[in-house]
Amino acid sequence: MDLLIGAVDGALRTLFAPPRATRPCPVLPAEETHLGADERRHAAALMRVNHVGEVCAQALYTAQALVTQDAQLKKHLERAAREETDHLAWTEQRLRELGSHTSLLNPLWYAGAFAIGLAAGRLGDPVSLGFVVETERQVEQHLQGHLERLPAGDHASRAIVAQMKDDEAAHGEAALQAGAAELPAIARLAMKAAARVMTTTAHYI
């Protein structure tokens, strides 16, 4: 019951409470950003997608930590979730600075990711860790694509995305070292398809 209450509390905090970063935002004060209206809208859409990714990461890690019986793995997942909270705070702050909003479908994204995390966790810790590795691998590629698509003058968004990319790579490597199993090709393709639906929708809504 305590674990279930904790999971509900995590969901409410992620979806409705202002996230609090434990690390300073990687944007340097000297890096001023001057964007036109179209560039601002484009950057906001990309950062909204990134924010949704962090909402899903919170759901995934929370669900996986809920079902594992391995105390060390639970700590690993909880630590990764805390680092993802930094990303959540940074992207939400950047969206406000760009005069935009987070996705209106965040509760839906959270619920879906939580269900996937539970399913992965039920298949055993190696599979659960393998899911983390593949998720972080795809997210890292996704963030690299955003670095290429963000306006060149948007130093603030680019600094945030670059730090997120480094952190995601570290999370994936840590899961690999912890004994992650390689997911079958069909599972990796299904994850890519689901991610495409989410990112395409969140770009606009």
N, C-alpha and C. Protein backbone atom coordinates (compact mmCIF):
# COMPACT_ATOMS: atom_id res chain seq x y z
N MET A 1 0.82 -1.20 0.00
CA MET A 1 0.00 0.00 0.00
C MET A 1 0.87 1.26 0.00
N ASP A 2 1.97 1.23 0.79
CA ASP A 2 2.86 2.38 0.82
C ASP A 2 3.45 2.66 -0.56
N LEU A 3 3.82 1.57 -1.27
CA LEU A 3 4.38 1.73 -2.61
C LEU A 3 3.35 2.31 -3.57
N LEU A 4 2.11 1.86 -3.44
CA LEU A 4 1.05 2.36 -4.32
C LEU A 4 0.78 3.84 -4.06
N ILE A 5 0.75 4.21 -2.79
CA ILE A 5 0.54 5.62 -2.43
C ILE A 5 1.69 6.47 -2.97
N GLY A 6 2.90 5.93 -2.87
CA GLY A 6 4.06 6.64 -3.40
C GLY A 6 3.96 6.83 -4.89
N ALA A 7 3.46 5.81 -5.61
CA ALA A 7 3.32 5.91 -7.06
C ALA A 7 2.28 6.96 -7.44
N VAL A 8 1.17 6.98 -6.71
CA VAL A 8 0.13 7.99 -6.97
C VAL A 8 0.66 9.38 -6.68
N ASP A 9 1.40 9.51 -5.58
CA ASP A 9 1.98 10.81 -5.24
C ASP A 9 2.95 11.26 -6.33
N GLY A 10 3.75 10.33 -6.86
CA GLY A 10 4.68 10.68 -7.93
C GLY A 10 3.95 11.16 -9.18
N ALA A 11 2.83 10.50 -9.50
CA ALA A 11 2.06 10.90 -10.68
C ALA A 11 1.50 12.31 -10.50
N LEU A 12 0.93 12.59 -9.33
CA LEU A 12 0.35 13.90 -9.08
C LEU A 12 1.41 14.99 -9.11
N ARG A 13 2.58 14.69 -8.55
CA ARG A 13 3.66 15.68 -8.56
C ARG A 13 4.15 15.96 -9.97
N THR A 14 4.28 14.90 -10.76
CA THR A 14 4.76 15.06 -12.14
C THR A 14 3.79 15.86 -12.98
N LEU A 15 2.49 15.58 -12.82
CA LEU A 15 1.49 16.16 -13.71
C LEU A 15 0.98 17.53 -13.26
N PHE A 16 0.97 17.77 -11.95
CA PHE A 16 0.27 18.97 -11.47
C PHE A 16 1.10 19.89 -10.57
N ALA A 17 2.24 19.45 -10.07
CA ALA A 17 3.06 20.29 -9.20
C ALA A 17 4.25 20.85 -9.99
N PRO A 18 4.67 22.08 -9.69
CA PRO A 18 5.85 22.63 -10.37
C PRO A 18 7.08 21.78 -10.03
N PRO A 19 7.77 21.22 -11.04
CA PRO A 19 8.94 20.39 -10.75
C PRO A 19 10.10 21.23 -10.22
N ARG A 20 10.87 20.66 -9.33
CA ARG A 20 12.01 21.35 -8.74
C ARG A 20 13.29 20.63 -9.11
N ALA A 21 14.16 21.32 -9.82
CA ALA A 21 15.43 20.73 -10.23
C ALA A 21 16.42 20.72 -9.07
N THR A 22 17.24 19.67 -9.01
CA THR A 22 18.30 19.60 -8.00
C THR A 22 19.61 20.16 -8.53
N ARG A 23 19.68 20.35 -9.86
CA ARG A 23 20.86 20.92 -10.49
C ARG A 23 20.48 22.22 -11.18
N PRO A 24 21.40 23.16 -11.28
CA PRO A 24 21.07 24.39 -11.99
C PRO A 24 20.85 24.13 -13.48
N CYS A 25 20.00 24.92 -14.07
CA CYS A 25 19.75 24.81 -15.51
C CYS A 25 21.05 25.08 -16.26
N PRO A 26 21.39 24.28 -17.27
CA PRO A 26 22.67 24.44 -17.96
C PRO A 26 22.80 25.67 -18.84
N VAL A 27 21.79 26.51 -18.90
CA VAL A 27 21.85 27.71 -19.72
C VAL A 27 22.80 28.72 -19.08
N LEU A 28 23.74 29.23 -19.84
CA LEU A 28 24.68 30.23 -19.35
C LEU A 28 24.05 31.62 -19.46
N PRO A 29 24.17 32.46 -18.43
CA PRO A 29 23.55 33.79 -18.45
C PRO A 29 24.01 34.64 -19.63
N ALA A 30 25.24 34.43 -20.07
CA ALA A 30 25.79 35.26 -21.14
C ALA A 30 25.21 34.88 -22.51
N GLU A 31 24.57 33.70 -22.58
CA GLU A 31 24.05 33.22 -23.86
C GLU A 31 22.65 33.75 -24.10
N GLU A 32 22.57 34.97 -24.59
CA GLU A 32 21.28 35.58 -24.85
C GLU A 32 20.65 34.95 -26.10
N THR A 33 19.35 34.81 -26.06
CA THR A 33 18.62 34.21 -27.16
C THR A 33 17.66 35.24 -27.76
N HIS A 34 17.78 35.43 -29.05
CA HIS A 34 16.90 36.35 -29.77
C HIS A 34 16.25 35.58 -30.92
N LEU A 35 14.94 35.36 -30.80
CA LEU A 35 14.24 34.56 -31.78
C LEU A 35 13.08 35.33 -32.39
N GLY A 36 12.84 35.06 -33.68
CA GLY A 36 11.67 35.61 -34.33
C GLY A 36 10.44 34.81 -33.92
N ALA A 37 9.27 35.27 -34.31
CA ALA A 37 8.03 34.61 -33.91
C ALA A 37 7.96 33.17 -34.39
N ASP A 38 8.33 32.93 -35.65
CA ASP A 38 8.29 31.57 -36.19
C ASP A 38 9.31 30.67 -35.49
N GLU A 39 10.50 31.19 -35.25
CA GLU A 39 11.52 30.41 -34.56
C GLU A 39 11.08 30.07 -33.14
N ARG A 40 10.42 31.02 -32.49
CA ARG A 40 9.94 30.79 -31.13
C ARG A 40 8.89 29.67 -31.09
N ARG A 41 7.97 29.69 -32.04
CA ARG A 41 6.93 28.65 -32.10
C ARG A 41 7.55 27.29 -32.38
N HIS A 42 8.52 27.28 -33.30
CA HIS A 42 9.18 26.02 -33.65
C HIS A 42 9.95 25.46 -32.46
N ALA A 43 10.69 26.30 -31.77
CA ALA A 43 11.46 25.86 -30.61
C ALA A 43 10.53 25.38 -29.50
N ALA A 44 9.41 26.07 -29.31
CA ALA A 44 8.46 25.67 -28.27
C ALA A 44 7.87 24.31 -28.56
N ALA A 45 7.55 24.04 -29.82
CA ALA A 45 6.99 22.73 -30.18
C ALA A 45 7.97 21.62 -29.86
N LEU A 46 9.25 21.84 -30.19
CA LEU A 46 10.27 20.83 -29.91
C LEU A 46 10.47 20.64 -28.41
N MET A 47 10.48 21.72 -27.67
CA MET A 47 10.66 21.60 -26.22
C MET A 47 9.44 20.99 -25.54
N ARG A 48 8.26 21.18 -26.12
CA ARG A 48 7.07 20.53 -25.58
C ARG A 48 7.19 19.01 -25.75
N VAL A 49 7.68 18.59 -26.89
CA VAL A 49 7.91 17.16 -27.12
C VAL A 49 8.92 16.63 -26.11
N ASN A 50 9.98 17.39 -25.85
CA ASN A 50 10.99 16.96 -24.88
C ASN A 50 10.40 16.88 -23.48
N HIS A 51 9.52 17.82 -23.15
CA HIS A 51 8.88 17.79 -21.84
C HIS A 51 8.00 16.55 -21.70
N VAL A 52 7.27 16.19 -22.74
CA VAL A 52 6.46 14.98 -22.71
C VAL A 52 7.35 13.76 -22.49
N GLY A 53 8.51 13.75 -23.13
CA GLY A 53 9.44 12.64 -22.93
C GLY A 53 9.83 12.49 -21.47
N GLU A 54 9.99 13.61 -20.79
CA GLU A 54 10.36 13.55 -19.37
C GLU A 54 9.19 13.12 -18.50
N VAL A 55 7.98 13.51 -18.88
CA VAL A 55 6.79 13.02 -18.18
C VAL A 55 6.72 11.49 -18.28
N CYS A 56 6.96 10.98 -19.48
CA CYS A 56 6.95 9.53 -19.69
C CYS A 56 8.07 8.85 -18.93
N ALA A 57 9.23 9.48 -18.87
CA ALA A 57 10.36 8.89 -18.14
C ALA A 57 10.02 8.75 -16.66
N GLN A 58 9.36 9.76 -16.09
CA GLN A 58 8.95 9.68 -14.69
C GLN A 58 8.00 8.50 -14.48
N ALA A 59 7.06 8.33 -15.40
CA ALA A 59 6.10 7.24 -15.29
C ALA A 59 6.78 5.89 -15.42
N LEU A 60 7.67 5.76 -16.37
CA LEU A 60 8.37 4.50 -16.60
C LEU A 60 9.19 4.09 -15.38
N TYR A 61 10.02 5.00 -14.90
CA TYR A 61 10.89 4.67 -13.78
C TYR A 61 10.08 4.40 -12.51
N THR A 62 9.02 5.15 -12.29
CA THR A 62 8.18 4.94 -11.11
C THR A 62 7.55 3.56 -11.15
N ALA A 63 7.02 3.18 -12.31
CA ALA A 63 6.37 1.87 -12.45
C ALA A 63 7.37 0.74 -12.29
N GLN A 64 8.55 0.88 -12.90
CA GLN A 64 9.55 -0.17 -12.80
C GLN A 64 10.07 -0.32 -11.37
N ALA A 65 10.24 0.79 -10.68
CA ALA A 65 10.68 0.74 -9.29
C ALA A 65 9.62 0.12 -8.41
N LEU A 66 8.35 0.27 -8.79
CA LEU A 66 7.24 -0.25 -8.00
C LEU A 66 7.22 -1.77 -7.99
N VAL A 67 7.58 -2.41 -9.10
CA VAL A 67 7.42 -3.87 -9.21
C VAL A 67 8.70 -4.66 -8.96
N THR A 68 9.87 -4.03 -9.03
CA THR A 68 11.10 -4.79 -8.81
C THR A 68 11.25 -5.20 -7.36
N GLN A 69 11.83 -6.39 -7.15
CA GLN A 69 12.11 -6.88 -5.80
C GLN A 69 13.57 -6.67 -5.42
N ASP A 70 14.35 -6.13 -6.37
CA ASP A 70 15.77 -5.90 -6.16
C ASP A 70 15.98 -4.50 -5.56
N ALA A 71 16.47 -4.45 -4.33
CA ALA A 71 16.63 -3.17 -3.64
C ALA A 71 17.60 -2.25 -4.37
N GLN A 72 18.67 -2.81 -4.91
CA GLN A 72 19.66 -2.00 -5.62
C GLN A 72 19.08 -1.43 -6.91
N LEU A 73 18.33 -2.25 -7.61
CA LEU A 73 17.71 -1.78 -8.85
C LEU A 73 16.69 -0.69 -8.54
N LYS A 74 15.93 -0.87 -7.45
CA LYS A 74 14.96 0.14 -7.06
C LYS A 74 15.65 1.48 -6.83
N LYS A 75 16.80 1.45 -6.13
CA LYS A 75 17.55 2.68 -5.88
C LYS A 75 18.05 3.29 -7.19
N HIS A 76 18.51 2.42 -8.10
CA HIS A 76 18.99 2.90 -9.40
C HIS A 76 17.88 3.62 -10.16
N LEU A 77 16.69 3.02 -10.18
CA LEU A 77 15.57 3.61 -10.90
C LEU A 77 15.11 4.91 -10.25
N GLU A 78 15.08 4.93 -8.94
CA GLU A 78 14.66 6.14 -8.22
C GLU A 78 15.66 7.27 -8.43
N ARG A 79 16.95 6.94 -8.47
CA ARG A 79 17.98 7.96 -8.72
C ARG A 79 17.84 8.52 -10.13
N ALA A 80 17.61 7.64 -11.10
CA ALA A 80 17.42 8.10 -12.48
C ALA A 80 16.19 8.98 -12.59
N ALA A 81 15.13 8.63 -11.87
CA ALA A 81 13.91 9.45 -11.89
C ALA A 81 14.17 10.85 -11.35
N ARG A 82 14.98 10.93 -10.30
CA ARG A 82 15.31 12.26 -9.73
C ARG A 82 16.06 13.10 -10.75
N GLU A 83 16.98 12.48 -11.48
CA GLU A 83 17.71 13.23 -12.51
C GLU A 83 16.78 13.65 -13.64
N GLU A 84 15.82 12.78 -13.97
CA GLU A 84 14.85 13.15 -15.01
C GLU A 84 13.97 14.31 -14.55
N THR A 85 13.79 14.46 -13.23
CA THR A 85 13.02 15.59 -12.72
C THR A 85 13.70 16.90 -13.07
N ASP A 86 15.03 16.91 -13.08
CA ASP A 86 15.75 18.10 -13.52
C ASP A 86 15.34 18.46 -14.95
N HIS A 87 15.31 17.45 -15.81
CA HIS A 87 14.93 17.68 -17.20
C HIS A 87 13.50 18.22 -17.28
N LEU A 88 12.63 17.66 -16.46
CA LEU A 88 11.24 18.09 -16.45
C LEU A 88 11.15 19.57 -16.08
N ALA A 89 11.91 19.97 -15.07
CA ALA A 89 11.88 21.37 -14.63
C ALA A 89 12.48 22.29 -15.69
N TRP A 90 13.59 21.87 -16.26
CA TRP A 90 14.26 22.72 -17.26
C TRP A 90 13.39 22.94 -18.49
N THR A 91 12.78 21.86 -19.00
CA THR A 91 11.96 22.00 -20.20
C THR A 91 10.69 22.80 -19.94
N GLU A 92 10.11 22.61 -18.75
CA GLU A 92 8.90 23.38 -18.41
C GLU A 92 9.24 24.87 -18.29
N GLN A 93 10.36 25.18 -17.67
CA GLN A 93 10.78 26.58 -17.55
C GLN A 93 11.04 27.18 -18.93
N ARG A 94 11.67 26.41 -19.79
CA ARG A 94 11.98 26.93 -21.13
C ARG A 94 10.70 27.17 -21.92
N LEU A 95 9.72 26.31 -21.76
CA LEU A 95 8.44 26.52 -22.44
C LEU A 95 7.79 27.83 -21.99
N ARG A 96 7.85 28.10 -20.70
CA ARG A 96 7.30 29.37 -20.20
C ARG A 96 8.04 30.55 -20.81
N GLU A 97 9.36 30.44 -20.89
CA GLU A 97 10.16 31.53 -21.46
C GLU A 97 9.82 31.75 -22.93
N LEU A 98 9.44 30.68 -23.62
CA LEU A 98 9.09 30.79 -25.03
C LEU A 98 7.62 31.19 -25.23
N GLY A 99 6.92 31.39 -24.11
CA GLY A 99 5.53 31.81 -24.19
C GLY A 99 4.59 30.70 -24.61
N SER A 100 4.94 29.45 -24.29
CA SER A 100 4.12 28.33 -24.71
C SER A 100 3.70 27.49 -23.51
N HIS A 101 3.21 26.31 -23.76
CA HIS A 101 2.62 25.48 -22.71
C HIS A 101 3.05 24.03 -22.86
N THR A 102 2.87 23.26 -21.81
CA THR A 102 3.14 21.84 -21.87
C THR A 102 2.00 21.14 -22.60
N SER A 103 2.18 19.87 -22.92
CA SER A 103 1.16 19.13 -23.67
C SER A 103 -0.12 19.00 -22.84
N LEU A 104 -1.25 19.21 -23.47
CA LEU A 104 -2.54 19.07 -22.81
C LEU A 104 -2.87 17.60 -22.54
N LEU A 105 -2.13 16.71 -23.18
CA LEU A 105 -2.38 15.27 -23.04
C LEU A 105 -1.41 14.59 -22.08
N ASN A 106 -0.74 15.36 -21.25
CA ASN A 106 0.25 14.76 -20.35
C ASN A 106 -0.32 13.64 -19.47
N PRO A 107 -1.54 13.76 -18.92
CA PRO A 107 -2.07 12.64 -18.13
C PRO A 107 -2.16 11.35 -18.95
N LEU A 108 -2.53 11.48 -20.21
CA LEU A 108 -2.61 10.30 -21.08
C LEU A 108 -1.23 9.70 -21.32
N TRP A 109 -0.24 10.57 -21.60
CA TRP A 109 1.13 10.08 -21.82
C TRP A 109 1.65 9.39 -20.56
N TYR A 110 1.37 9.96 -19.42
CA TYR A 110 1.86 9.38 -18.16
C TYR A 110 1.24 8.00 -17.93
N ALA A 111 -0.07 7.91 -18.12
CA ALA A 111 -0.76 6.64 -17.89
C ALA A 111 -0.24 5.55 -18.82
N GLY A 112 -0.05 5.89 -20.08
CA GLY A 112 0.46 4.91 -21.04
C GLY A 112 1.86 4.45 -20.69
N ALA A 113 2.73 5.39 -20.35
CA ALA A 113 4.11 5.04 -20.01
C ALA A 113 4.17 4.23 -18.72
N PHE A 114 3.30 4.55 -17.77
CA PHE A 114 3.26 3.81 -16.51
C PHE A 114 2.86 2.36 -16.77
N ALA A 115 1.88 2.15 -17.62
CA ALA A 115 1.43 0.80 -17.95
C ALA A 115 2.55 0.01 -18.63
N ILE A 116 3.28 0.67 -19.52
CA ILE A 116 4.40 0.00 -20.19
C ILE A 116 5.49 -0.36 -19.18
N GLY A 117 5.77 0.55 -18.26
CA GLY A 117 6.77 0.29 -17.24
C GLY A 117 6.40 -0.88 -16.35
N LEU A 118 5.12 -0.96 -15.98
CA LEU A 118 4.65 -2.09 -15.18
C LEU A 118 4.82 -3.40 -15.94
N ALA A 119 4.46 -3.40 -17.22
CA ALA A 119 4.57 -4.61 -18.03
C ALA A 119 6.02 -5.05 -18.16
N ALA A 120 6.91 -4.08 -18.41
CA ALA A 120 8.33 -4.41 -18.54
C ALA A 120 8.88 -4.96 -17.23
N GLY A 121 8.49 -4.34 -16.12
CA GLY A 121 8.96 -4.79 -14.82
C GLY A 121 8.49 -6.18 -14.48
N ARG A 122 7.28 -6.54 -14.88
CA ARG A 122 6.72 -7.86 -14.60
C ARG A 122 7.47 -8.96 -15.34
N LEU A 123 8.15 -8.61 -16.42
CA LEU A 123 8.88 -9.60 -17.21
C LEU A 123 10.26 -9.92 -16.62
N GLY A 124 10.60 -9.25 -15.53
CA GLY A 124 11.87 -9.53 -14.87
C GLY A 124 12.84 -8.37 -14.97
N ASP A 125 13.75 -8.30 -14.03
CA ASP A 125 14.68 -7.16 -13.98
C ASP A 125 15.57 -7.02 -15.22
N PRO A 126 16.11 -8.12 -15.77
CA PRO A 126 16.93 -7.94 -16.99
C PRO A 126 16.14 -7.31 -18.14
N VAL A 127 14.89 -7.73 -18.31
CA VAL A 127 14.06 -7.15 -19.37
C VAL A 127 13.72 -5.69 -19.04
N SER A 128 13.43 -5.44 -17.77
CA SER A 128 13.13 -4.08 -17.34
C SER A 128 14.31 -3.15 -17.63
N LEU A 129 15.52 -3.62 -17.31
CA LEU A 129 16.72 -2.83 -17.59
C LEU A 129 16.95 -2.71 -19.09
N GLY A 130 16.64 -3.77 -19.83
CA GLY A 130 16.78 -3.70 -21.28
C GLY A 130 15.86 -2.66 -21.88
N PHE A 131 14.68 -2.54 -21.29
CA PHE A 131 13.74 -1.51 -21.73
C PHE A 131 14.31 -0.13 -21.48
N VAL A 132 14.98 0.05 -20.33
CA VAL A 132 15.62 1.33 -20.03
C VAL A 132 16.69 1.65 -21.07
N VAL A 133 17.52 0.65 -21.37
CA VAL A 133 18.61 0.85 -22.34
C VAL A 133 18.05 1.28 -23.69
N GLU A 134 17.04 0.56 -24.17
CA GLU A 134 16.49 0.87 -25.49
C GLU A 134 15.76 2.22 -25.48
N THR A 135 15.04 2.51 -24.40
CA THR A 135 14.36 3.80 -24.29
C THR A 135 15.36 4.94 -24.34
N GLU A 136 16.43 4.83 -23.55
CA GLU A 136 17.42 5.91 -23.50
C GLU A 136 18.16 6.02 -24.83
N ARG A 137 18.36 4.90 -25.49
CA ARG A 137 19.03 4.93 -26.80
C ARG A 137 18.19 5.71 -27.81
N GLN A 138 16.88 5.43 -27.81
CA GLN A 138 15.99 6.14 -28.74
C GLN A 138 15.84 7.61 -28.37
N VAL A 139 15.79 7.89 -27.07
CA VAL A 139 15.67 9.28 -26.62
C VAL A 139 16.92 10.06 -27.00
N GLU A 140 18.08 9.44 -26.85
CA GLU A 140 19.33 10.11 -27.20
C GLU A 140 19.34 10.48 -28.69
N GLN A 141 18.89 9.55 -29.54
CA GLN A 141 18.81 9.84 -30.97
C GLN A 141 17.81 10.95 -31.26
N HIS A 142 16.71 10.90 -30.55
CA HIS A 142 15.65 11.91 -30.70
C HIS A 142 16.18 13.30 -30.32
N LEU A 143 16.92 13.38 -29.22
CA LEU A 143 17.47 14.66 -28.77
C LEU A 143 18.53 15.18 -29.74
N GLN A 144 19.30 14.28 -30.32
CA GLN A 144 20.28 14.69 -31.32
C GLN A 144 19.57 15.32 -32.51
N GLY A 145 18.43 14.74 -32.89
CA GLY A 145 17.65 15.31 -33.98
C GLY A 145 17.13 16.69 -33.64
N HIS A 146 16.77 16.91 -32.39
CA HIS A 146 16.29 18.23 -31.98
C HIS A 146 17.43 19.24 -31.97
N LEU A 147 18.62 18.81 -31.60
CA LEU A 147 19.76 19.73 -31.65
C LEU A 147 20.00 20.21 -33.08
N GLU A 148 19.70 19.35 -34.04
CA GLU A 148 19.89 19.72 -35.45
C GLU A 148 18.74 20.59 -35.96
N ARG A 149 17.57 20.49 -35.31
CA ARG A 149 16.40 21.21 -35.79
C ARG A 149 16.11 22.51 -35.04
N LEU A 150 16.64 22.66 -33.82
CA LEU A 150 16.41 23.90 -33.07
C LEU A 150 17.08 25.07 -33.78
N PRO A 151 16.49 26.27 -33.69
CA PRO A 151 17.12 27.44 -34.28
C PRO A 151 18.56 27.61 -33.76
N ALA A 152 19.45 27.95 -34.66
CA ALA A 152 20.86 28.09 -34.28
C ALA A 152 21.05 29.12 -33.17
N GLY A 153 20.20 30.14 -33.15
CA GLY A 153 20.33 31.19 -32.15
C GLY A 153 19.67 30.89 -30.82
N ASP A 154 18.99 29.74 -30.71
CA ASP A 154 18.32 29.40 -29.46
C ASP A 154 19.30 28.69 -28.53
N HIS A 155 20.22 29.48 -27.98
CA HIS A 155 21.27 28.90 -27.13
C HIS A 155 20.69 28.26 -25.87
N ALA A 156 19.62 28.82 -25.35
CA ALA A 156 19.04 28.30 -24.11
C ALA A 156 18.48 26.89 -24.32
N SER A 157 17.64 26.73 -25.32
CA SER A 157 17.06 25.41 -25.58
C SER A 157 18.14 24.40 -25.95
N ARG A 158 19.11 24.82 -26.74
CA ARG A 158 20.16 23.91 -27.17
C ARG A 158 21.01 23.44 -25.99
N ALA A 159 21.28 24.32 -25.05
CA ALA A 159 22.08 23.93 -23.88
C ALA A 159 21.33 22.91 -23.04
N ILE A 160 20.03 23.10 -22.88
CA ILE A 160 19.21 22.16 -22.11
C ILE A 160 19.18 20.80 -22.79
N VAL A 161 18.93 20.79 -24.08
CA VAL A 161 18.84 19.53 -24.81
C VAL A 161 20.17 18.79 -24.81
N ALA A 162 21.27 19.51 -24.95
CA ALA A 162 22.59 18.88 -24.94
C ALA A 162 22.87 18.20 -23.61
N GLN A 163 22.52 18.86 -22.49
CA GLN A 163 22.73 18.24 -21.18
C GLN A 163 21.81 17.04 -20.99
N MET A 164 20.57 17.15 -21.46
CA MET A 164 19.66 16.03 -21.38
C MET A 164 20.20 14.83 -22.14
N LYS A 165 20.74 15.08 -23.31
CA LYS A 165 21.29 14.01 -24.14
C LYS A 165 22.43 13.28 -23.41
N ASP A 166 23.31 14.03 -22.77
CA ASP A 166 24.41 13.42 -22.01
C ASP A 166 23.87 12.58 -20.85
N ASP A 167 22.86 13.09 -20.16
CA ASP A 167 22.29 12.37 -19.02
C ASP A 167 21.61 11.08 -19.47
N GLU A 168 20.88 11.14 -20.58
CA GLU A 168 20.18 9.94 -21.06
C GLU A 168 21.18 8.86 -21.45
N ALA A 169 22.28 9.26 -22.07
CA ALA A 169 23.32 8.29 -22.44
C ALA A 169 23.88 7.62 -21.19
N ALA A 170 24.08 8.40 -20.14
CA ALA A 170 24.59 7.85 -18.88
C ALA A 170 23.61 6.88 -18.24
N HIS A 171 22.31 7.19 -18.30
CA HIS A 171 21.29 6.30 -17.75
C HIS A 171 21.28 4.97 -18.50
N GLY A 172 21.36 5.04 -19.81
CA GLY A 172 21.37 3.83 -20.61
C GLY A 172 22.58 2.97 -20.33
N GLU A 173 23.74 3.59 -20.21
CA GLU A 173 24.97 2.86 -19.92
C GLU A 173 24.92 2.21 -18.54
N ALA A 174 24.36 2.93 -17.57
CA ALA A 174 24.25 2.38 -16.22
C ALA A 174 23.33 1.15 -16.21
N ALA A 175 22.23 1.21 -16.96
CA ALA A 175 21.33 0.07 -17.04
C ALA A 175 21.99 -1.11 -17.73
N LEU A 176 22.79 -0.83 -18.75
CA LEU A 176 23.51 -1.89 -19.46
C LEU A 176 24.49 -2.59 -18.53
N GLN A 177 25.22 -1.81 -17.75
CA GLN A 177 26.18 -2.37 -16.82
C GLN A 177 25.51 -3.15 -15.70
N ALA A 178 24.25 -2.83 -15.42
CA ALA A 178 23.52 -3.49 -14.34
C ALA A 178 22.94 -4.84 -14.75
N GLY A 179 23.13 -5.20 -16.03
CA GLY A 179 22.68 -6.52 -16.48
C GLY A 179 21.47 -6.52 -17.38
N ALA A 180 21.31 -5.48 -18.19
CA ALA A 180 20.15 -5.38 -19.08
C ALA A 180 20.19 -6.46 -20.15
N ALA A 181 19.01 -6.98 -20.47
CA ALA A 181 18.87 -7.93 -21.56
C ALA A 181 18.59 -7.18 -22.86
N GLU A 182 19.05 -7.72 -23.98
CA GLU A 182 18.78 -7.12 -25.28
C GLU A 182 17.34 -7.43 -25.68
N LEU A 183 16.58 -6.39 -26.01
CA LEU A 183 15.19 -6.60 -26.40
C LEU A 183 15.11 -7.12 -27.83
N PRO A 184 14.11 -7.94 -28.13
CA PRO A 184 13.95 -8.42 -29.51
C PRO A 184 13.63 -7.27 -30.46
N ALA A 185 13.93 -7.48 -31.73
CA ALA A 185 13.75 -6.42 -32.73
C ALA A 185 12.31 -5.94 -32.79
N ILE A 186 11.34 -6.84 -32.66
CA ILE A 186 9.94 -6.43 -32.76
C ILE A 186 9.56 -5.49 -31.62
N ALA A 187 10.15 -5.71 -30.43
CA ALA A 187 9.87 -4.83 -29.29
C ALA A 187 10.46 -3.44 -29.54
N ARG A 188 11.67 -3.41 -30.11
CA ARG A 188 12.31 -2.12 -30.39
C ARG A 188 11.52 -1.34 -31.44
N LEU A 189 11.01 -2.05 -32.44
CA LEU A 189 10.22 -1.39 -33.48
C LEU A 189 8.90 -0.86 -32.91
N ALA A 190 8.29 -1.64 -32.03
CA ALA A 190 7.03 -1.21 -31.41
C ALA A 190 7.26 0.05 -30.57
N MET A 191 8.40 0.11 -29.86
CA MET A 191 8.72 1.28 -29.06
C MET A 191 8.91 2.50 -29.95
N LYS A 192 9.55 2.32 -31.08
CA LYS A 192 9.76 3.43 -32.01
C LYS A 192 8.43 3.93 -32.56
N ALA A 193 7.52 3.00 -32.88
CA ALA A 193 6.22 3.39 -33.42
C ALA A 193 5.41 4.17 -32.39
N ALA A 194 5.43 3.69 -31.14
CA ALA A 194 4.70 4.39 -30.07
C ALA A 194 5.29 5.78 -29.84
N ALA A 195 6.62 5.87 -29.88
CA ALA A 195 7.28 7.16 -29.68
C ALA A 195 6.93 8.13 -30.81
N ARG A 196 6.79 7.63 -32.02
CA ARG A 196 6.46 8.49 -33.14
C ARG A 196 5.06 9.10 -32.98
N VAL A 197 4.12 8.29 -32.51
CA VAL A 197 2.76 8.78 -32.28
C VAL A 197 2.79 9.88 -31.22
N MET A 198 3.51 9.62 -30.14
CA MET A 198 3.57 10.59 -29.04
C MET A 198 4.23 11.89 -29.48
N THR A 199 5.38 11.80 -30.11
CA THR A 199 6.11 13.02 -30.48
C THR A 199 5.36 13.84 -31.53
N THR A 200 4.72 13.16 -32.47
CA THR A 200 3.97 13.88 -33.50
C THR A 200 2.78 14.62 -32.90
N THR A 201 2.07 13.96 -31.99
CA THR A 201 0.91 14.58 -31.35
C THR A 201 1.32 15.73 -30.43
N ALA A 202 2.34 15.47 -29.59
CA ALA A 202 2.78 16.47 -28.62
C ALA A 202 3.36 17.72 -29.29
N HIS A 203 3.83 17.58 -30.50
CA HIS A 203 4.36 18.74 -31.24
C HIS A 203 3.31 19.83 -31.36
N TYR A 204 2.04 19.43 -31.45
CA TYR A 204 0.96 20.39 -31.65
C TYR A 204 0.04 20.56 -30.45
N ILE A 205 -0.13 19.48 -29.66
CA ILE A 205 -1.12 19.52 -28.56
C ILE A 205 -0.44 19.37 -27.22
